[in-house]
Amino acid sequence: MAQQFLSGQLGVVKAGSATLHVKSWEFTADAKTEDTTNTGDYVVVRGQVYESHVLTTIGGKGNFKADFDVLSPFALVSPSINIGASVALKLYLDASKYVDIPKASITSVPIVSEVKGKISYQCDFLVNGIFTMPV
């Protein structure tokens, strides 16, 4: 039997009391830096080494696609996904490793509705606080 690859295809978005199951996602962890080329940054632990930059803020951004079927018997609560909404995300690499984002802000919300009741959310988000990368 052929192996089924699921990396990047699993995830959960919690928006209020609603849960969306992610169909696909993208996440970029990034770090803001401050240029110290002119002044140098004296680092004692490295024995008088001047660095070209220092990290100031760790952050992240990304997007996800999730479906919500209003006709499903399991669709008890419609998701409240709006610009500026705060959501929690778990973006899985495999069954046990995932990017954990306790708080993210939705920055764009393209919504596509199909005739049969399935609604697709394709949202961009910005991490608002800490996040944990899989080990």
N, C-alpha and C. Protein backbone atom coordinates (compact mmCIF):
# COMPACT_ATOMS: atom_id res chain seq x y z
N MET A 1 0.84 -1.17 0.00
CA MET A 1 0.00 0.00 0.00
C MET A 1 0.89 1.24 0.00
N ALA A 2 0.58 2.21 -0.81
CA ALA A 2 1.35 3.45 -0.90
C ALA A 2 1.19 4.26 0.38
N GLN A 3 2.28 4.91 0.79
CA GLN A 3 2.24 5.75 1.98
C GLN A 3 1.44 7.01 1.67
N GLN A 4 0.61 7.42 2.63
CA GLN A 4 -0.17 8.64 2.48
C GLN A 4 0.55 9.77 3.18
N PHE A 5 0.88 10.82 2.46
CA PHE A 5 1.58 11.96 3.02
C PHE A 5 0.59 13.02 3.46
N LEU A 6 0.70 13.46 4.70
CA LEU A 6 -0.25 14.44 5.23
C LEU A 6 0.43 15.73 5.68
N SER A 7 1.74 15.81 5.58
CA SER A 7 2.44 17.00 6.06
C SER A 7 1.86 18.26 5.45
N GLY A 8 1.62 19.24 6.29
CA GLY A 8 1.09 20.50 5.81
C GLY A 8 -0.39 20.47 5.47
N GLN A 9 -1.05 19.35 5.72
CA GLN A 9 -2.45 19.23 5.35
C GLN A 9 -3.38 19.16 6.55
N LEU A 10 -2.85 19.18 7.73
CA LEU A 10 -3.67 19.08 8.93
C LEU A 10 -3.56 20.35 9.74
N GLY A 11 -4.59 20.64 10.47
CA GLY A 11 -4.53 21.78 11.36
C GLY A 11 -5.90 22.05 11.95
N VAL A 12 -5.90 22.83 13.01
CA VAL A 12 -7.13 23.20 13.69
C VAL A 12 -7.07 24.69 13.98
N VAL A 13 -8.16 25.39 13.69
CA VAL A 13 -8.29 26.80 14.03
C VAL A 13 -9.47 26.93 14.98
N LYS A 14 -9.23 27.51 16.15
CA LYS A 14 -10.31 27.76 17.10
C LYS A 14 -10.66 29.24 17.04
N ALA A 15 -11.90 29.52 16.69
CA ALA A 15 -12.40 30.89 16.61
C ALA A 15 -13.61 30.97 17.52
N GLY A 16 -13.42 31.51 18.71
CA GLY A 16 -14.51 31.52 19.69
C GLY A 16 -14.80 30.09 20.10
N SER A 17 -16.06 29.69 20.05
CA SER A 17 -16.41 28.32 20.41
C SER A 17 -16.47 27.39 19.19
N ALA A 18 -16.18 27.91 18.02
CA ALA A 18 -16.18 27.11 16.79
C ALA A 18 -14.78 26.58 16.49
N THR A 19 -14.74 25.43 15.85
CA THR A 19 -13.48 24.84 15.43
C THR A 19 -13.54 24.59 13.93
N LEU A 20 -12.52 25.06 13.22
CA LEU A 20 -12.39 24.80 11.78
C LEU A 20 -11.25 23.81 11.58
N HIS A 21 -11.45 22.84 10.70
CA HIS A 21 -10.40 21.90 10.38
C HIS A 21 -9.70 22.37 9.11
N VAL A 22 -8.42 22.63 9.23
CA VAL A 22 -7.62 23.23 8.17
C VAL A 22 -7.36 22.21 7.06
N LYS A 23 -7.53 22.65 5.83
CA LYS A 23 -7.25 21.82 4.66
C LYS A 23 -5.83 22.02 4.15
N SER A 24 -5.31 23.23 4.27
CA SER A 24 -3.92 23.52 3.91
C SER A 24 -3.48 24.76 4.67
N TRP A 25 -2.17 24.90 4.84
CA TRP A 25 -1.65 26.06 5.57
C TRP A 25 -0.23 26.37 5.15
N GLU A 26 0.17 27.59 5.48
CA GLU A 26 1.54 28.05 5.26
C GLU A 26 1.90 28.92 6.45
N PHE A 27 3.12 28.74 6.97
CA PHE A 27 3.56 29.53 8.12
C PHE A 27 5.01 29.93 7.94
N THR A 28 5.32 31.19 8.22
CA THR A 28 6.68 31.69 8.16
C THR A 28 7.03 32.33 9.49
N ALA A 29 7.99 31.73 10.18
CA ALA A 29 8.52 32.33 11.41
C ALA A 29 9.59 33.32 10.97
N ASP A 30 9.61 34.50 11.59
CA ASP A 30 10.62 35.47 11.21
C ASP A 30 11.12 36.22 12.44
N ALA A 31 12.22 36.91 12.24
CA ALA A 31 12.82 37.69 13.32
C ALA A 31 13.14 39.08 12.79
N LYS A 32 12.76 40.07 13.54
CA LYS A 32 13.13 41.44 13.22
C LYS A 32 14.55 41.65 13.76
N THR A 33 15.32 42.43 13.03
CA THR A 33 16.69 42.69 13.46
C THR A 33 16.97 44.18 13.50
N GLU A 34 17.96 44.53 14.28
CA GLU A 34 18.43 45.92 14.32
C GLU A 34 19.88 45.92 13.86
N ASP A 35 20.17 46.76 12.90
CA ASP A 35 21.51 46.84 12.34
C ASP A 35 22.45 47.53 13.34
N THR A 36 23.55 46.88 13.66
CA THR A 36 24.54 47.47 14.57
C THR A 36 25.91 47.57 13.90
N THR A 37 25.89 47.65 12.57
CA THR A 37 27.14 47.68 11.81
C THR A 37 28.02 48.86 12.21
N ASN A 38 27.43 50.05 12.38
CA ASN A 38 28.23 51.24 12.68
C ASN A 38 28.77 51.24 14.11
N THR A 39 27.96 50.81 15.06
CA THR A 39 28.39 50.89 16.46
C THR A 39 28.93 49.58 17.00
N GLY A 40 28.51 48.48 16.43
CA GLY A 40 28.92 47.19 16.95
C GLY A 40 28.19 46.90 18.25
N ASP A 41 28.07 45.66 18.57
CA ASP A 41 27.41 45.25 19.79
C ASP A 41 28.38 44.37 20.56
N TYR A 42 28.94 44.88 21.60
CA TYR A 42 29.94 44.16 22.37
C TYR A 42 29.29 42.99 23.10
N VAL A 43 29.77 41.79 22.80
CA VAL A 43 29.22 40.59 23.41
C VAL A 43 30.30 39.94 24.25
N VAL A 44 30.14 40.00 25.56
CA VAL A 44 31.15 39.49 26.49
C VAL A 44 31.37 38.00 26.32
N VAL A 45 30.30 37.23 26.16
CA VAL A 45 30.44 35.77 26.08
C VAL A 45 31.16 35.31 24.83
N ARG A 46 31.28 36.15 23.88
CA ARG A 46 32.01 35.78 22.66
C ARG A 46 33.40 36.41 22.61
N GLY A 47 33.82 36.96 23.69
CA GLY A 47 35.18 37.49 23.78
C GLY A 47 35.47 38.66 22.86
N GLN A 48 34.81 39.78 23.07
CA GLN A 48 35.03 41.02 22.36
C GLN A 48 34.77 40.90 20.85
N VAL A 49 33.67 40.32 20.49
CA VAL A 49 33.28 40.19 19.09
C VAL A 49 32.19 41.23 18.80
N TYR A 50 32.33 41.93 17.71
CA TYR A 50 31.30 42.88 17.28
C TYR A 50 30.35 42.18 16.32
N GLU A 51 29.06 42.32 16.54
CA GLU A 51 28.05 41.71 15.68
C GLU A 51 27.48 42.76 14.72
N SER A 52 27.01 42.31 13.56
CA SER A 52 26.44 43.23 12.58
C SER A 52 24.97 43.55 12.87
N HIS A 53 24.33 42.71 13.69
CA HIS A 53 22.91 42.93 13.98
C HIS A 53 22.55 42.22 15.29
N VAL A 54 21.42 42.60 15.85
CA VAL A 54 20.85 41.92 17.00
C VAL A 54 19.38 41.62 16.70
N LEU A 55 18.89 40.51 17.23
CA LEU A 55 17.48 40.18 17.08
C LEU A 55 16.67 41.01 18.07
N THR A 56 15.56 41.55 17.59
CA THR A 56 14.72 42.36 18.48
C THR A 56 13.37 41.70 18.76
N THR A 57 12.70 41.18 17.74
CA THR A 57 11.38 40.59 17.92
C THR A 57 11.25 39.33 17.07
N ILE A 58 10.76 38.27 17.69
CA ILE A 58 10.46 37.04 16.96
C ILE A 58 8.96 37.07 16.65
N GLY A 59 8.59 36.73 15.43
CA GLY A 59 7.19 36.76 15.04
C GLY A 59 6.90 35.72 13.99
N GLY A 60 5.71 35.80 13.44
CA GLY A 60 5.34 34.86 12.40
C GLY A 60 4.08 35.31 11.68
N LYS A 61 3.90 34.76 10.49
CA LYS A 61 2.71 35.07 9.70
C LYS A 61 2.42 33.89 8.81
N GLY A 62 1.23 33.86 8.28
CA GLY A 62 0.90 32.76 7.39
C GLY A 62 -0.52 32.85 6.90
N ASN A 63 -0.99 31.73 6.38
CA ASN A 63 -2.36 31.64 5.91
C ASN A 63 -2.85 30.21 6.06
N PHE A 64 -4.16 30.07 6.03
CA PHE A 64 -4.75 28.74 6.08
C PHE A 64 -6.02 28.72 5.25
N LYS A 65 -6.37 27.53 4.81
CA LYS A 65 -7.63 27.31 4.12
C LYS A 65 -8.40 26.28 4.94
N ALA A 66 -9.65 26.58 5.22
CA ALA A 66 -10.48 25.69 6.00
C ALA A 66 -11.90 25.72 5.46
N ASP A 67 -12.58 24.58 5.56
CA ASP A 67 -13.95 24.49 5.10
C ASP A 67 -14.90 24.41 6.29
N PHE A 68 -16.08 24.97 6.11
CA PHE A 68 -17.13 24.88 7.11
C PHE A 68 -18.42 24.58 6.36
N ASP A 69 -19.05 23.48 6.70
CA ASP A 69 -20.28 23.08 6.02
C ASP A 69 -21.46 23.38 6.93
N VAL A 70 -22.24 24.38 6.59
CA VAL A 70 -23.36 24.79 7.42
C VAL A 70 -24.46 23.73 7.46
N LEU A 71 -24.47 22.81 6.51
CA LEU A 71 -25.49 21.76 6.48
C LEU A 71 -25.06 20.50 7.23
N SER A 72 -23.82 20.46 7.70
CA SER A 72 -23.33 19.30 8.43
C SER A 72 -24.01 19.20 9.79
N PRO A 73 -24.35 17.98 10.23
CA PRO A 73 -24.94 17.83 11.56
C PRO A 73 -23.96 18.19 12.68
N PHE A 74 -22.66 18.25 12.36
CA PHE A 74 -21.66 18.60 13.36
C PHE A 74 -21.40 20.10 13.43
N ALA A 75 -22.01 20.86 12.52
CA ALA A 75 -21.80 22.31 12.47
C ALA A 75 -22.72 22.99 13.47
N LEU A 76 -22.36 22.91 14.72
CA LEU A 76 -23.21 23.47 15.78
C LEU A 76 -23.09 24.98 15.89
N VAL A 77 -21.87 25.50 15.67
CA VAL A 77 -21.62 26.93 15.83
C VAL A 77 -20.88 27.43 14.59
N SER A 78 -21.39 28.45 13.95
CA SER A 78 -20.68 29.05 12.82
C SER A 78 -19.44 29.77 13.32
N PRO A 79 -18.33 29.66 12.58
CA PRO A 79 -17.11 30.33 13.01
C PRO A 79 -17.24 31.84 12.90
N SER A 80 -16.62 32.53 13.82
CA SER A 80 -16.61 33.99 13.78
C SER A 80 -15.24 34.44 13.30
N ILE A 81 -15.04 34.35 12.00
CA ILE A 81 -13.76 34.71 11.40
C ILE A 81 -13.96 36.03 10.67
N ASN A 82 -13.45 37.09 11.25
CA ASN A 82 -13.54 38.42 10.67
C ASN A 82 -12.18 39.09 10.74
N ILE A 83 -12.02 40.17 10.01
CA ILE A 83 -10.78 40.94 10.09
C ILE A 83 -10.56 41.34 11.54
N GLY A 84 -9.36 41.09 12.05
CA GLY A 84 -9.03 41.45 13.42
C GLY A 84 -9.43 40.41 14.45
N ALA A 85 -10.14 39.35 14.03
CA ALA A 85 -10.53 38.30 14.99
C ALA A 85 -9.29 37.62 15.54
N SER A 86 -9.39 37.22 16.78
CA SER A 86 -8.31 36.49 17.43
C SER A 86 -8.62 35.00 17.37
N VAL A 87 -7.66 34.22 16.89
CA VAL A 87 -7.83 32.77 16.76
C VAL A 87 -6.64 32.05 17.35
N ALA A 88 -6.82 30.78 17.68
CA ALA A 88 -5.73 29.91 18.10
C ALA A 88 -5.54 28.86 17.01
N LEU A 89 -4.28 28.57 16.66
CA LEU A 89 -4.01 27.62 15.58
C LEU A 89 -3.07 26.53 16.03
N LYS A 90 -3.30 25.33 15.53
CA LYS A 90 -2.36 24.22 15.63
C LYS A 90 -2.19 23.71 14.21
N LEU A 91 -0.97 23.87 13.68
CA LEU A 91 -0.66 23.51 12.30
C LEU A 91 0.28 22.31 12.31
N TYR A 92 -0.23 21.16 11.94
CA TYR A 92 0.47 19.89 12.11
C TYR A 92 1.44 19.59 10.97
N LEU A 93 2.64 19.11 11.36
CA LEU A 93 3.60 18.57 10.41
C LEU A 93 3.40 17.07 10.27
N ASP A 94 3.05 16.41 11.37
CA ASP A 94 2.64 15.01 11.38
C ASP A 94 1.70 14.82 12.57
N ALA A 95 1.40 13.58 12.93
CA ALA A 95 0.40 13.34 13.96
C ALA A 95 0.76 13.90 15.33
N SER A 96 2.05 14.09 15.60
CA SER A 96 2.44 14.55 16.94
C SER A 96 3.19 15.88 16.96
N LYS A 97 3.69 16.34 15.85
CA LYS A 97 4.45 17.59 15.80
C LYS A 97 3.65 18.66 15.09
N TYR A 98 3.56 19.82 15.74
CA TYR A 98 2.78 20.91 15.16
C TYR A 98 3.31 22.26 15.63
N VAL A 99 3.00 23.28 14.85
CA VAL A 99 3.26 24.66 15.23
C VAL A 99 2.08 25.09 16.08
N ASP A 100 2.34 25.52 17.31
CA ASP A 100 1.28 25.92 18.23
C ASP A 100 1.26 27.43 18.34
N ILE A 101 0.16 28.03 17.91
CA ILE A 101 0.00 29.49 17.94
C ILE A 101 -1.22 29.81 18.80
N PRO A 102 -1.01 30.12 20.08
CA PRO A 102 -2.15 30.36 20.96
C PRO A 102 -2.98 31.58 20.58
N LYS A 103 -2.34 32.58 19.95
CA LYS A 103 -3.09 33.78 19.59
C LYS A 103 -2.55 34.37 18.29
N ALA A 104 -3.44 34.51 17.33
CA ALA A 104 -3.09 35.14 16.05
C ALA A 104 -4.24 36.05 15.65
N SER A 105 -3.91 37.08 14.90
CA SER A 105 -4.92 38.02 14.40
C SER A 105 -5.16 37.77 12.92
N ILE A 106 -6.42 37.68 12.55
CA ILE A 106 -6.78 37.50 11.15
C ILE A 106 -6.61 38.84 10.43
N THR A 107 -5.84 38.84 9.33
CA THR A 107 -5.56 40.09 8.61
C THR A 107 -6.28 40.19 7.27
N SER A 108 -6.75 39.06 6.73
CA SER A 108 -7.59 39.10 5.54
C SER A 108 -8.47 37.86 5.52
N VAL A 109 -9.67 38.00 4.95
CA VAL A 109 -10.65 36.91 4.98
C VAL A 109 -11.37 36.77 3.64
N PRO A 110 -10.75 36.15 2.65
CA PRO A 110 -11.51 35.81 1.45
C PRO A 110 -12.41 34.60 1.77
N ILE A 111 -13.70 34.70 1.48
CA ILE A 111 -14.65 33.62 1.76
C ILE A 111 -15.29 33.20 0.45
N VAL A 112 -15.32 31.88 0.23
CA VAL A 112 -15.94 31.33 -0.97
C VAL A 112 -17.06 30.41 -0.53
N SER A 113 -18.26 30.62 -1.05
CA SER A 113 -19.41 29.80 -0.69
C SER A 113 -19.86 28.99 -1.90
N GLU A 114 -20.09 27.70 -1.66
CA GLU A 114 -20.61 26.84 -2.70
C GLU A 114 -22.11 26.68 -2.52
N VAL A 115 -22.79 26.28 -3.55
CA VAL A 115 -24.24 26.17 -3.53
C VAL A 115 -24.72 25.19 -2.47
N LYS A 116 -24.00 24.11 -2.23
CA LYS A 116 -24.45 23.05 -1.33
C LYS A 116 -24.21 23.38 0.15
N GLY A 117 -23.68 24.52 0.48
CA GLY A 117 -23.53 24.89 1.89
C GLY A 117 -22.11 24.91 2.41
N LYS A 118 -21.15 24.37 1.64
CA LYS A 118 -19.77 24.40 2.10
C LYS A 118 -19.21 25.80 1.91
N ILE A 119 -18.60 26.33 2.95
CA ILE A 119 -17.99 27.65 2.90
C ILE A 119 -16.50 27.47 3.12
N SER A 120 -15.67 28.03 2.26
CA SER A 120 -14.22 27.93 2.38
C SER A 120 -13.65 29.26 2.85
N TYR A 121 -12.89 29.20 3.92
CA TYR A 121 -12.17 30.36 4.44
C TYR A 121 -10.72 30.24 3.99
N GLN A 122 -10.16 31.33 3.47
CA GLN A 122 -8.77 31.36 3.03
C GLN A 122 -8.14 32.58 3.69
N CYS A 123 -7.75 32.44 4.93
CA CYS A 123 -7.36 33.59 5.75
C CYS A 123 -5.86 33.77 5.89
N ASP A 124 -5.45 35.03 5.93
CA ASP A 124 -4.08 35.38 6.31
C ASP A 124 -4.10 35.73 7.78
N PHE A 125 -3.00 35.41 8.49
CA PHE A 125 -2.93 35.73 9.91
C PHE A 125 -1.54 36.22 10.27
N LEU A 126 -1.48 36.91 11.39
CA LEU A 126 -0.25 37.43 11.96
C LEU A 126 -0.20 36.98 13.41
N VAL A 127 0.90 36.36 13.82
CA VAL A 127 1.04 35.89 15.19
C VAL A 127 1.00 37.09 16.13
N ASN A 128 0.25 36.96 17.21
CA ASN A 128 0.12 38.02 18.19
C ASN A 128 0.61 37.48 19.54
N GLY A 129 1.92 37.49 19.74
CA GLY A 129 2.49 36.95 20.97
C GLY A 129 3.44 35.83 20.66
N ILE A 130 3.47 34.84 21.55
CA ILE A 130 4.42 33.74 21.40
C ILE A 130 3.84 32.63 20.54
N PHE A 131 4.72 31.78 20.03
CA PHE A 131 4.32 30.57 19.34
C PHE A 131 5.39 29.52 19.60
N THR A 132 5.06 28.27 19.39
CA THR A 132 6.00 27.18 19.64
C THR A 132 6.18 26.38 18.36
N MET A 133 7.44 26.22 17.96
CA MET A 133 7.76 25.40 16.80
C MET A 133 7.96 23.96 17.27
N PRO A 134 7.68 22.97 16.40
CA PRO A 134 7.87 21.58 16.80
C PRO A 134 9.35 21.27 17.01
N VAL A 135 9.61 20.37 17.93
CA VAL A 135 11.00 19.99 18.25
C VAL A 135 11.41 18.82 17.40
